[in-house]
Amino acid sequence: MQLIITAMAVTAGMVFSLAIALLVEELIFGKVFRIFFARPAIAGKDQGKR
């Protein structure tokens, strides 16, 4: 039982550390979430008009 609690504490600590690192990076640079959530460019009607 002690091993399970230790594994959960280590996993939770790693996830928390990653979340804080992403938050700090986003506050400093502001580009992480734009990469993850950017809409892909759609090739549309504008390309054939030249």
C-alpha atoms as a PDB file:
ATOM      1  CA  MET A   1       0.000   0.000   0.000  1.00  0.00           C
ATOM      2  CA  GLN A   2       2.866   2.354   0.769  1.00  0.00           C
ATOM      3  CA  LEU A   3       4.297   1.757  -2.715  1.00  0.00           C
ATOM      4  CA  ILE A   4       1.018   2.790  -4.369  1.00  0.00           C
ATOM      5  CA  ILE A   5       0.850   5.995  -2.339  1.00  0.00           C
ATOM      6  CA  THR A   6       4.475   6.773  -3.193  1.00  0.00           C
ATOM      7  CA  ALA A   7       3.883   6.151  -6.915  1.00  0.00           C
ATOM      8  CA  MET A   8       0.792   8.384  -6.859  1.00  0.00           C
ATOM      9  CA  ALA A   9       2.702  11.149  -5.063  1.00  0.00           C
ATOM     10  CA  VAL A  10       5.579  10.971  -7.563  1.00  0.00           C
ATOM     11  CA  THR A  11       3.189  11.003 -10.543  1.00  0.00           C
ATOM     12  CA  ALA A  12       1.180  13.907  -9.109  1.00  0.00           C
ATOM     13  CA  GLY A  13       4.390  15.823  -8.452  1.00  0.00           C
ATOM     14  CA  MET A  14       5.591  15.323 -12.010  1.00  0.00           C
ATOM     15  CA  VAL A  15       2.249  16.413 -13.484  1.00  0.00           C
ATOM     16  CA  PHE A  16       2.159  19.469 -11.210  1.00  0.00           C
ATOM     17  CA  SER A  17       5.735  20.353 -12.150  1.00  0.00           C
ATOM     18  CA  LEU A  18       4.935  20.078 -15.858  1.00  0.00           C
ATOM     19  CA  ALA A  19       1.824  22.243 -15.441  1.00  0.00           C
ATOM     20  CA  ILE A  20       3.783  24.959 -13.623  1.00  0.00           C
ATOM     21  CA  ALA A  21       6.553  24.845 -16.241  1.00  0.00           C
ATOM     22  CA  LEU A  22       4.027  25.268 -19.074  1.00  0.00           C
ATOM     23  CA  LEU A  23       2.324  28.125 -17.238  1.00  0.00           C
ATOM     24  CA  VAL A  24       5.594  29.970 -16.657  1.00  0.00           C
ATOM     25  CA  GLU A  25       6.694  29.429 -20.254  1.00  0.00           C
ATOM     26  CA  GLU A  26       3.349  30.719 -21.501  1.00  0.00           C
ATOM     27  CA  LEU A  27       3.622  33.808 -19.316  1.00  0.00           C
ATOM     28  CA  ILE A  28       7.165  34.522 -20.531  1.00  0.00           C
ATOM     29  CA  PHE A  29       6.954  33.646 -24.234  1.00  0.00           C
ATOM     30  CA  GLY A  30       3.229  33.242 -24.946  1.00  0.00           C
ATOM     31  CA  LYS A  31       3.557  30.814 -27.836  1.00  0.00           C
ATOM     32  CA  VAL A  32       2.902  27.325 -26.454  1.00  0.00           C
ATOM     33  CA  PHE A  33      -0.888  27.358 -26.582  1.00  0.00           C
ATOM     34  CA  ARG A  34      -0.908  29.020 -30.012  1.00  0.00           C
ATOM     35  CA  ILE A  35       1.028  26.040 -31.365  1.00  0.00           C
ATOM     36  CA  PHE A  36      -1.277  23.476 -29.735  1.00  0.00           C
ATOM     37  CA  PHE A  37      -4.593  25.159 -30.506  1.00  0.00           C
ATOM     38  CA  ALA A  38      -3.905  26.949 -33.802  1.00  0.00           C
ATOM     39  CA  ARG A  39      -6.355  26.261 -36.568  1.00  0.00           C
ATOM     40  CA  PRO A  40      -4.718  24.748 -39.634  1.00  0.00           C
ATOM     41  CA  ALA A  41      -4.557  26.955 -42.683  1.00  0.00           C
ATOM     42  CA  ILE A  42      -7.180  25.974 -45.229  1.00  0.00           C
ATOM     43  CA  ALA A  43      -6.240  26.172 -48.890  1.00  0.00           C
ATOM     44  CA  GLY A  44      -9.206  27.981 -50.302  1.00  0.00           C
ATOM     45  CA  LYS A  45     -10.442  30.117 -53.127  1.00  0.00           C
ATOM     46  CA  ASP A  46      -7.694  32.757 -52.921  1.00  0.00           C
ATOM     47  CA  GLN A  47      -4.951  30.621 -54.470  1.00  0.00           C
ATOM     48  CA  GLY A  48      -6.366  30.485 -57.980  1.00  0.00           C
ATOM     49  CA  LYS A  49      -6.927  34.234 -58.444  1.00  0.00           C
ATOM     50  CA  ARG A  50      -3.395  35.258 -59.374  1.00  0.00           C
END
